[in-house]
N, C-alpha and C. Protein backbone atom coordinates (compact mmCIF):
# COMPACT_ATOMS: atom_id res chain seq x y z
N MET A 1 98.36 81.03 105.37
CA MET A 1 96.73 80.85 105.29
C MET A 1 96.14 82.11 106.32
N PHE A 2 95.08 82.47 106.09
CA PHE A 2 94.41 83.70 107.10
C PHE A 2 93.34 82.69 107.97
N SER A 3 93.39 83.36 109.21
CA SER A 3 91.95 82.25 109.71
C SER A 3 90.97 82.82 109.66
N TRP A 4 89.84 82.35 109.35
CA TRP A 4 88.53 82.59 109.69
C TRP A 4 87.76 84.14 110.17
N LYS A 5 88.49 83.88 111.27
CA LYS A 5 88.68 85.90 111.52
C LYS A 5 89.05 86.66 110.92
N LEU A 6 90.60 86.40 110.64
CA LEU A 6 91.15 87.62 109.66
C LEU A 6 90.35 87.94 108.18
N GLU A 7 89.40 87.12 107.87
CA GLU A 7 89.20 86.73 106.43
C GLU A 7 88.00 87.68 107.04
N ASN A 8 86.94 88.17 107.83
CA ASN A 8 85.74 88.50 108.00
C ASN A 8 86.66 90.17 108.58
N ARG A 9 87.81 90.51 108.18
CA ARG A 9 88.42 91.39 108.61
C ARG A 9 88.34 92.78 107.51
N LYS A 10 87.80 93.83 107.91
CA LYS A 10 87.37 95.05 106.29
C LYS A 10 88.57 96.06 107.16
N ILE A 11 89.44 96.85 106.31
CA ILE A 11 90.45 97.59 106.86
C ILE A 11 90.46 99.11 106.25
N ILE A 12 90.47 100.16 106.70
CA ILE A 12 90.62 101.56 105.59
C ILE A 12 91.77 102.08 106.04
N ALA A 13 92.87 102.07 104.88
CA ALA A 13 94.04 102.32 105.41
C ALA A 13 94.39 103.86 105.02
N LEU A 14 94.70 104.54 105.91
CA LEU A 14 95.16 106.16 105.50
C LEU A 14 96.79 106.23 105.44
N VAL A 15 97.24 106.65 104.15
CA VAL A 15 98.70 106.89 104.21
C VAL A 15 98.43 108.30 104.44
N ASP A 16 99.80 108.88 105.04
CA ASP A 16 100.68 110.27 105.09
C ASP A 16 101.19 110.61 103.42
N TYR A 17 101.30 110.63 102.75
CA TYR A 17 102.30 110.34 101.65
C TYR A 17 103.71 111.41 101.91
N LYS A 18 103.49 112.54 102.21
CA LYS A 18 104.51 113.19 102.52
C LYS A 18 105.15 112.80 104.26
N ASN A 19 104.92 112.35 105.13
CA ASN A 19 105.13 111.99 106.28
C ASN A 19 106.04 110.85 105.76
N VAL A 20 105.77 109.59 104.86
CA VAL A 20 106.28 108.35 104.43
C VAL A 20 107.40 108.53 103.99
N ALA A 21 107.06 109.49 102.35
CA ALA A 21 107.89 109.63 101.56
C ALA A 21 109.02 110.65 102.03
N ARG A 22 108.85 111.20 102.56
CA ARG A 22 110.10 112.48 103.11
C ARG A 22 111.06 111.52 103.99
N ASN A 23 111.19 110.55 104.84
CA ASN A 23 111.59 109.80 105.45
C ASN A 23 112.11 108.50 104.75
N ALA A 24 111.82 108.02 103.58
CA ALA A 24 112.25 106.96 102.66
C ALA A 24 113.28 107.63 102.19
N THR A 25 113.08 109.02 101.71
CA THR A 25 114.05 109.71 100.68
C THR A 25 115.15 110.26 101.79
N GLU A 26 114.96 110.51 103.54
CA GLU A 26 116.44 111.01 104.20
C GLU A 26 117.22 109.52 103.66
N LYS A 27 116.79 108.27 103.85
CA LYS A 27 117.19 107.27 103.52
C LYS A 27 118.07 106.75 102.08
N GLY A 28 117.70 107.63 101.40
CA GLY A 28 117.86 107.16 100.19
C GLY A 28 117.40 106.51 99.11
N LYS A 29 116.13 106.02 99.73
CA LYS A 29 114.88 105.13 99.79
C LYS A 29 113.53 105.66 98.78
N ILE A 30 112.82 104.68 98.45
CA ILE A 30 111.34 105.26 98.62
C ILE A 30 110.42 104.21 99.02
N VAL A 31 109.02 104.91 99.22
CA VAL A 31 108.35 103.88 99.71
C VAL A 31 108.08 102.54 98.50
N ASP A 32 107.58 101.56 98.83
CA ASP A 32 107.23 100.34 98.22
C ASP A 32 105.54 99.92 98.27
N PHE A 33 105.11 100.87 97.85
CA PHE A 33 103.71 100.36 97.47
C PHE A 33 103.34 99.00 97.13
N LYS A 34 103.63 98.77 96.44
CA LYS A 34 103.44 97.24 96.09
C LYS A 34 103.06 96.28 97.30
N LYS A 35 104.96 96.49 98.12
CA LYS A 35 104.65 95.45 99.23
C LYS A 35 103.48 96.35 100.38
N LEU A 36 103.42 97.41 100.14
CA LEU A 36 102.63 98.13 101.41
C LEU A 36 101.05 97.75 101.09
N HIS A 37 100.34 97.37 100.02
CA HIS A 37 99.47 96.31 99.51
C HIS A 37 99.38 95.19 100.19
N GLU A 38 100.65 94.76 100.07
CA GLU A 38 100.46 93.55 100.36
C GLU A 38 100.26 93.02 101.98
N LEU A 39 101.64 94.16 102.66
CA LEU A 39 101.10 94.13 103.74
C LEU A 39 99.20 94.42 104.09
N LEU A 40 99.18 95.24 103.69
CA LEU A 40 97.81 95.87 104.16
C LEU A 40 96.66 94.37 104.39
N LEU A 41 96.92 93.64 103.20
CA LEU A 41 96.39 92.85 102.77
C LEU A 41 95.90 91.86 103.95
N GLU A 42 97.17 91.85 104.52
CA GLU A 42 97.53 90.75 105.52
C GLU A 42 96.48 91.04 106.83
N PHE A 43 96.05 92.14 107.02
CA PHE A 43 95.31 92.71 108.24
C PHE A 43 93.61 92.68 107.64
N GLY A 44 93.61 92.08 106.49
CA GLY A 44 92.32 92.03 106.11
C GLY A 44 91.87 92.02 104.62
N GLU A 45 90.42 92.32 104.36
CA GLU A 45 89.66 92.63 102.86
C GLU A 45 90.46 94.48 103.33
N ILE A 46 90.67 94.77 102.32
CA ILE A 46 90.91 96.32 101.99
C ILE A 46 89.57 96.71 101.35
N PHE A 47 88.83 97.31 102.17
CA PHE A 47 87.31 98.16 102.13
C PHE A 47 87.88 99.39 101.23
N LEU A 48 89.00 100.43 102.03
CA LEU A 48 89.06 101.06 101.25
C LEU A 48 90.91 101.59 101.78
N ALA A 49 91.55 102.15 100.80
CA ALA A 49 93.30 103.01 101.12
C ALA A 49 93.31 104.24 100.52
N PHE A 50 93.47 105.02 101.23
CA PHE A 50 93.90 106.66 101.07
C PHE A 50 95.14 106.71 101.33
N VAL A 51 95.69 107.69 99.98
CA VAL A 51 96.88 108.35 99.80
C VAL A 51 96.50 109.64 100.26
N PHE A 52 96.48 110.22 100.60
CA PHE A 52 96.53 112.11 101.05
C PHE A 52 98.12 112.62 100.71
N ILE A 53 97.99 113.63 99.88
CA ILE A 53 98.86 113.95 99.42
C ILE A 53 98.78 115.32 99.66
N PRO A 54 100.04 116.05 100.04
CA PRO A 54 99.69 117.69 99.76
C PRO A 54 99.78 118.63 97.92
N ASP A 55 99.21 119.11 97.57
CA ASP A 55 99.09 119.59 96.40
C ASP A 55 100.91 119.69 95.58
N ASN A 56 101.62 120.24 96.85
CA ASN A 56 102.64 120.14 95.80
C ASN A 56 103.83 119.00 96.17
N TYR A 57 103.38 117.80 96.31
CA TYR A 57 103.73 116.66 96.23
C TYR A 57 103.70 115.92 94.88
N VAL A 58 102.58 116.66 93.96
CA VAL A 58 102.07 115.92 92.83
C VAL A 58 102.88 115.21 92.13
N CYS A 59 104.28 116.38 92.16
CA CYS A 59 105.03 115.36 90.80
C CYS A 59 105.60 114.65 91.19
N SER A 60 105.94 114.12 93.04
CA SER A 60 106.72 112.98 93.61
C SER A 60 105.63 111.38 93.54
N LEU A 61 104.55 111.56 92.90
CA LEU A 61 103.43 110.48 93.10
C LEU A 61 103.74 109.63 92.17
N PRO A 62 103.97 107.93 92.91
CA PRO A 62 103.94 106.89 92.18
C PRO A 62 102.64 106.91 91.03
N ASN A 63 103.61 105.94 89.92
CA ASN A 63 102.38 105.90 88.85
C ASN A 63 101.51 104.81 89.62
N ASP A 64 101.65 103.92 89.83
CA ASP A 64 101.25 102.44 89.65
C ASP A 64 99.96 102.36 91.24
N LEU A 65 99.85 104.17 91.70
CA LEU A 65 99.11 103.88 92.98
C LEU A 65 97.31 103.29 93.04
N ASN A 66 96.85 104.13 91.85
CA ASN A 66 95.18 103.59 91.04
C ASN A 66 94.96 102.21 90.91
N ASN A 67 96.63 101.59 90.73
CA ASN A 67 96.59 100.13 90.31
C ASN A 67 96.93 99.25 90.85
N LEU A 68 97.41 100.04 91.92
CA LEU A 68 97.24 98.87 93.68
C LEU A 68 96.56 99.01 94.42
N GLY A 69 94.91 99.91 93.78
CA GLY A 69 94.04 99.67 94.83
C GLY A 69 93.92 101.16 95.68
N PHE A 70 94.83 101.98 95.58
CA PHE A 70 95.37 103.43 96.35
C PHE A 70 93.94 104.40 95.88
N GLU A 71 93.24 105.35 96.53
CA GLU A 71 93.12 106.35 96.35
C GLU A 71 93.71 107.47 96.76
N VAL A 72 93.75 108.09 95.70
CA VAL A 72 94.39 109.92 95.77
C VAL A 72 93.51 110.83 96.38
N ILE A 73 93.91 111.27 97.50
CA ILE A 73 93.24 112.50 97.99
C ILE A 73 93.99 113.62 97.89
N PHE A 74 94.17 114.61 96.86
CA PHE A 74 94.50 115.85 97.17
C PHE A 74 94.91 116.48 97.97
N CYS A 75 95.06 117.21 98.83
CA CYS A 75 94.80 118.05 100.02
C CYS A 75 95.40 119.54 99.69
N GLN A 76 94.86 120.20 99.52
CA GLN A 76 95.25 121.96 98.87
C GLN A 76 95.56 122.56 100.61
N LYS A 77 96.92 123.28 100.40
CA LYS A 77 97.08 124.19 101.64
C LYS A 77 95.95 125.15 101.78
N MET A 78 95.84 125.57 103.25
CA MET A 78 95.15 126.77 103.31
C MET A 78 95.41 127.89 104.61
N THR A 79 94.89 128.70 104.24
CA THR A 79 95.47 129.90 105.21
C THR A 79 94.85 130.08 106.38
N GLU A 80 95.42 129.89 107.35
CA GLU A 80 94.42 130.05 108.81
C GLU A 80 94.50 131.07 109.18
N GLY A 81 93.74 132.06 109.19
CA GLY A 81 93.75 133.48 109.79
C GLY A 81 95.31 134.30 109.64
N SER A 82 95.71 133.84 108.55
CA SER A 82 97.48 134.36 108.43
C SER A 82 97.37 134.23 107.00
N ASP A 83 98.85 134.67 106.73
CA ASP A 83 99.24 134.73 105.08
C ASP A 83 99.96 133.29 105.16
N LYS A 84 100.10 132.50 106.39
CA LYS A 84 100.63 131.63 106.19
C LYS A 84 99.87 130.14 105.74
N LEU A 85 100.64 129.28 104.86
CA LEU A 85 99.88 128.59 104.02
C LEU A 85 100.11 127.32 105.27
N GLU A 86 98.99 126.33 105.69
CA GLU A 86 98.92 125.17 106.25
C GLU A 86 99.10 124.13 105.55
N ASP A 87 99.23 123.18 105.71
CA ASP A 87 99.31 121.62 105.11
C ASP A 87 97.94 120.97 105.55
N THR A 88 96.95 120.80 105.22
CA THR A 88 96.03 120.15 105.61
C THR A 88 96.00 118.80 105.31
N VAL A 89 96.70 117.71 105.37
CA VAL A 89 96.99 116.16 105.15
C VAL A 89 96.46 115.84 106.40
N ASP A 90 97.05 116.14 107.31
CA ASP A 90 96.18 115.74 108.97
C ASP A 90 95.03 116.16 108.93
N ILE A 91 94.19 117.12 108.87
CA ILE A 91 93.08 117.35 109.00
C ILE A 91 92.35 116.34 107.86
N ASN A 92 92.37 116.38 106.58
CA ASN A 92 91.78 115.09 105.97
C ASN A 92 91.81 113.63 106.66
N MET A 93 93.18 113.77 106.54
CA MET A 93 93.38 112.23 107.25
C MET A 93 92.33 111.95 108.48
N ILE A 94 92.20 113.40 109.72
CA ILE A 94 91.56 112.51 110.76
C ILE A 94 90.00 112.57 110.05
N GLN A 95 89.66 113.49 109.10
CA GLN A 95 87.98 113.93 108.88
C GLN A 95 87.86 112.42 108.71
N ILE A 96 88.49 111.97 107.81
CA ILE A 96 87.68 111.02 106.62
C ILE A 96 87.94 109.42 108.06
N GLY A 97 89.04 109.13 108.58
CA GLY A 97 89.27 108.30 109.16
C GLY A 97 88.21 108.02 110.34
N THR A 98 87.47 109.42 111.09
CA THR A 98 86.42 109.35 112.19
C THR A 98 85.14 108.91 111.36
N ARG A 99 85.10 109.32 110.33
CA ARG A 99 83.84 109.44 109.25
C ARG A 99 83.85 107.43 109.53
N PHE A 100 84.96 106.91 109.41
CA PHE A 100 84.47 105.68 108.66
C PHE A 100 84.76 104.57 110.47
N CYS A 101 84.78 105.14 111.02
CA CYS A 101 85.03 104.47 112.56
C CYS A 101 83.62 104.26 112.92
N TYR A 102 82.33 105.09 112.16
CA TYR A 102 81.18 104.88 112.51
C TYR A 102 80.66 103.69 111.64
N PHE A 103 81.15 103.04 110.47
CA PHE A 103 80.88 102.15 109.75
C PHE A 103 80.96 100.39 110.72
N SER A 104 80.03 99.77 111.10
CA SER A 104 79.82 99.00 111.92
C SER A 104 80.55 97.86 111.03
N GLU A 105 81.12 97.55 109.34
CA GLU A 105 81.63 96.86 108.39
C GLU A 105 83.05 97.08 108.73
N ILE A 106 83.31 98.30 109.10
CA ILE A 106 84.87 98.38 109.53
C ILE A 106 85.51 97.91 110.81
N THR A 107 86.20 97.17 110.50
CA THR A 107 87.15 96.24 111.43
C THR A 107 88.27 97.16 112.29
N ASP A 108 88.82 97.40 110.86
CA ASP A 108 90.60 97.92 111.38
C ASP A 108 90.87 99.48 110.90
N ILE A 109 91.02 100.44 111.50
CA ILE A 109 91.87 101.28 111.13
C ILE A 109 93.48 101.65 110.92
N VAL A 110 93.79 101.43 109.65
CA VAL A 110 95.35 101.60 109.73
C VAL A 110 96.08 102.48 109.17
N ILE A 111 96.99 103.32 109.81
CA ILE A 111 97.25 104.48 109.68
C ILE A 111 99.01 104.59 109.36
N VAL A 112 99.16 104.89 107.81
CA VAL A 112 100.71 104.34 107.57
C VAL A 112 101.16 106.24 107.75
N GLY A 113 101.93 106.51 108.46
CA GLY A 113 102.86 107.50 108.95
C GLY A 113 103.52 107.71 110.79
N HIS A 114 103.52 108.64 110.82
CA HIS A 114 104.21 107.99 112.24
C HIS A 114 103.86 109.81 113.38
N ASP A 115 103.19 110.20 112.88
CA ASP A 115 102.57 111.94 113.04
C ASP A 115 101.78 111.98 114.78
N LYS A 116 102.32 112.64 115.60
CA LYS A 116 101.60 112.61 116.82
C LYS A 116 99.89 113.12 116.50
N HIS A 117 99.81 113.60 115.46
CA HIS A 117 98.51 113.99 115.36
C HIS A 117 97.33 113.14 114.52
N MET A 118 97.70 112.22 114.57
CA MET A 118 96.74 110.96 114.49
C MET A 118 95.97 110.30 115.98
N ALA A 119 96.82 111.04 116.86
CA ALA A 119 95.80 110.40 118.56
C ALA A 119 94.49 110.82 118.74
N HIS A 120 93.83 111.62 117.99
CA HIS A 120 92.54 112.22 117.81
C HIS A 120 91.75 110.75 117.17
N LEU A 121 92.04 110.60 115.83
CA LEU A 121 91.65 109.52 115.43
C LEU A 121 91.60 108.29 116.21
N ILE A 122 92.84 108.03 116.60
CA ILE A 122 93.40 106.69 117.10
C ILE A 122 92.29 106.44 118.35
N LYS A 123 92.08 107.40 119.14
CA LYS A 123 91.34 107.32 120.10
C LYS A 123 89.95 106.86 119.69
N GLU A 124 89.47 107.85 118.71
CA GLU A 124 87.71 107.73 118.32
C GLU A 124 87.91 106.52 118.01
N ALA A 125 88.73 105.67 116.91
CA ALA A 125 88.75 104.64 116.58
C ALA A 125 88.91 103.69 117.85
N LYS A 126 89.47 103.30 119.07
CA LYS A 126 89.35 102.52 120.02
C LYS A 126 88.22 102.96 120.64
N ASN A 127 87.46 103.70 120.70
CA ASN A 127 86.19 104.13 121.43
C ASN A 127 84.96 103.52 120.40
N ARG A 128 85.33 103.25 119.58
CA ARG A 128 84.32 102.80 118.14
C ARG A 128 84.99 101.44 118.46
N LYS A 129 85.41 100.92 119.36
CA LYS A 129 86.20 99.43 119.01
C LYS A 129 86.64 98.70 117.58
N LYS A 130 87.87 99.72 117.36
CA LYS A 130 88.22 99.28 116.18
C LYS A 130 89.64 98.73 116.31
N LYS A 131 90.20 97.65 115.64
CA LYS A 131 91.56 97.60 116.11
C LYS A 131 91.95 98.92 115.40
N VAL A 132 93.69 99.20 115.51
CA VAL A 132 94.07 100.31 115.24
C VAL A 132 95.25 99.51 115.23
N SER A 133 95.82 100.21 113.86
CA SER A 133 97.69 99.78 113.64
C SER A 133 98.24 100.58 112.93
N ILE A 134 99.19 100.43 113.06
CA ILE A 134 100.45 102.05 112.69
C ILE A 134 101.48 100.98 111.37
N ILE A 135 101.51 101.60 110.21
CA ILE A 135 102.38 101.34 109.77
C ILE A 135 103.47 102.31 109.39
N GLY A 136 104.52 102.41 110.14
CA GLY A 136 105.59 103.80 109.90
C GLY A 136 107.14 103.25 110.06
N THR A 137 107.50 104.55 110.44
CA THR A 137 109.34 104.44 110.32
C THR A 137 109.73 104.36 112.01
N GLU A 138 111.01 104.43 112.23
CA GLU A 138 111.64 104.83 113.60
C GLU A 138 110.65 105.73 113.98
N LYS A 139 110.73 106.57 113.86
CA LYS A 139 110.08 108.31 114.00
C LYS A 139 108.92 108.03 114.57
N ILE A 140 107.86 106.91 114.57
CA ILE A 140 106.95 107.19 115.44
C ILE A 140 106.53 107.64 116.68
N SER A 141 105.89 108.77 116.77
CA SER A 141 105.85 109.40 117.71
C SER A 141 105.98 109.09 119.30
N ASN A 142 106.25 109.11 120.52
CA ASN A 142 106.09 108.61 121.27
C ASN A 142 105.10 108.43 121.66
N ILE A 143 103.30 109.75 122.06
CA ILE A 143 102.91 109.65 122.13
C ILE A 143 101.61 108.53 121.15
N LEU A 144 101.95 108.22 119.92
CA LEU A 144 101.59 107.02 119.49
C LEU A 144 101.73 105.55 119.94
N ARG A 145 103.11 105.54 120.19
CA ARG A 145 103.69 104.16 120.71
C ARG A 145 102.50 104.41 121.93
N LYS A 146 102.14 105.40 123.18
CA LYS A 146 101.28 105.44 124.38
C LYS A 146 100.16 104.95 124.17
N ILE A 147 99.52 105.24 122.56
CA ILE A 147 98.05 104.70 122.76
C ILE A 147 97.88 103.42 121.78
N VAL A 148 98.82 103.04 120.83
CA VAL A 148 99.06 101.78 119.81
C VAL A 148 99.79 100.72 120.23
N ASP A 149 99.05 100.10 120.98
CA ASP A 149 99.84 98.71 121.21
C ASP A 149 101.02 98.46 120.42
N MET A 150 102.12 98.04 120.86
CA MET A 150 103.16 97.59 119.94
C MET A 150 103.26 96.64 119.50
N GLU A 151 102.33 95.59 119.29
CA GLU A 151 102.16 94.11 118.77
C GLU A 151 101.78 94.64 117.01
N ASN A 152 100.87 96.51 117.39
CA ASN A 152 100.32 96.62 116.26
C ASN A 152 101.58 97.83 115.35
N VAL A 153 102.22 97.83 115.60
CA VAL A 153 103.14 98.79 114.82
C VAL A 153 104.40 97.92 113.68
N TYR A 154 104.20 98.55 112.84
CA TYR A 154 105.06 97.85 111.59
C TYR A 154 105.59 98.58 111.12
N ASN A 155 106.56 97.97 110.38
CA ASN A 155 108.00 98.53 109.45
C ASN A 155 107.42 99.05 108.22
N LEU A 156 107.71 100.43 107.61
CA LEU A 156 106.71 100.83 106.67
C LEU A 156 107.96 100.15 105.41
N PRO A 157 107.20 99.36 104.22
CA PRO A 157 108.14 98.85 103.26
C PRO A 157 108.67 99.87 102.45
N LEU A 158 110.54 99.54 101.97
CA LEU A 158 110.84 100.63 101.50
C LEU A 158 111.63 99.83 100.37
N LYS A 159 112.02 100.94 99.60
CA LYS A 159 112.37 99.99 98.34
C LYS A 159 113.98 100.90 97.59
C-alpha cells in the first residue's frame, strides 16, 4: 500500500521505444508494457505516459499501448543540413519532458531508456525539483548513472 506522500505524486513517463525494444530483441524478448504500466503506478499517479517511436518502427508497435494508457508519438526522421536522416526521438523526448518540468503538479519524470542524450532533461527536471527515475537495461549510460541516484534506477520489465 502506498503512503500518503506517494499517492500525491504525479508522473510523466517518457519511453524511448527504439532504445528499449532493440535491447529487448537482442535478448530474444520484448518489452512487457503491462508490467511497465504497473511499475509506473508504483511511482504515483500517471499524469501522462508517452511512447516515442521512430516512423520506421510503426510495424513493430505492440497493439495494446493505448489500452494501457500510453500516448504514442511518432517521430519523423529529418535531414539536418545534409542528406543523412536523423532520428528525432531524443529531441522530441527532451522537448516534451522539459515542458512538463514547468508544471508544478508534476512531481516525477520517469525516463524509460538508457540513452546519454537525456542528461539535459534530467538536469532541468532536478533544477525544477522533480524526482527523476530511469527504467532501463544494463546498458544505462555512465553519464546517466552519474546524475541519477542509483536507488532511482529500475530494470525494464521484459517477457
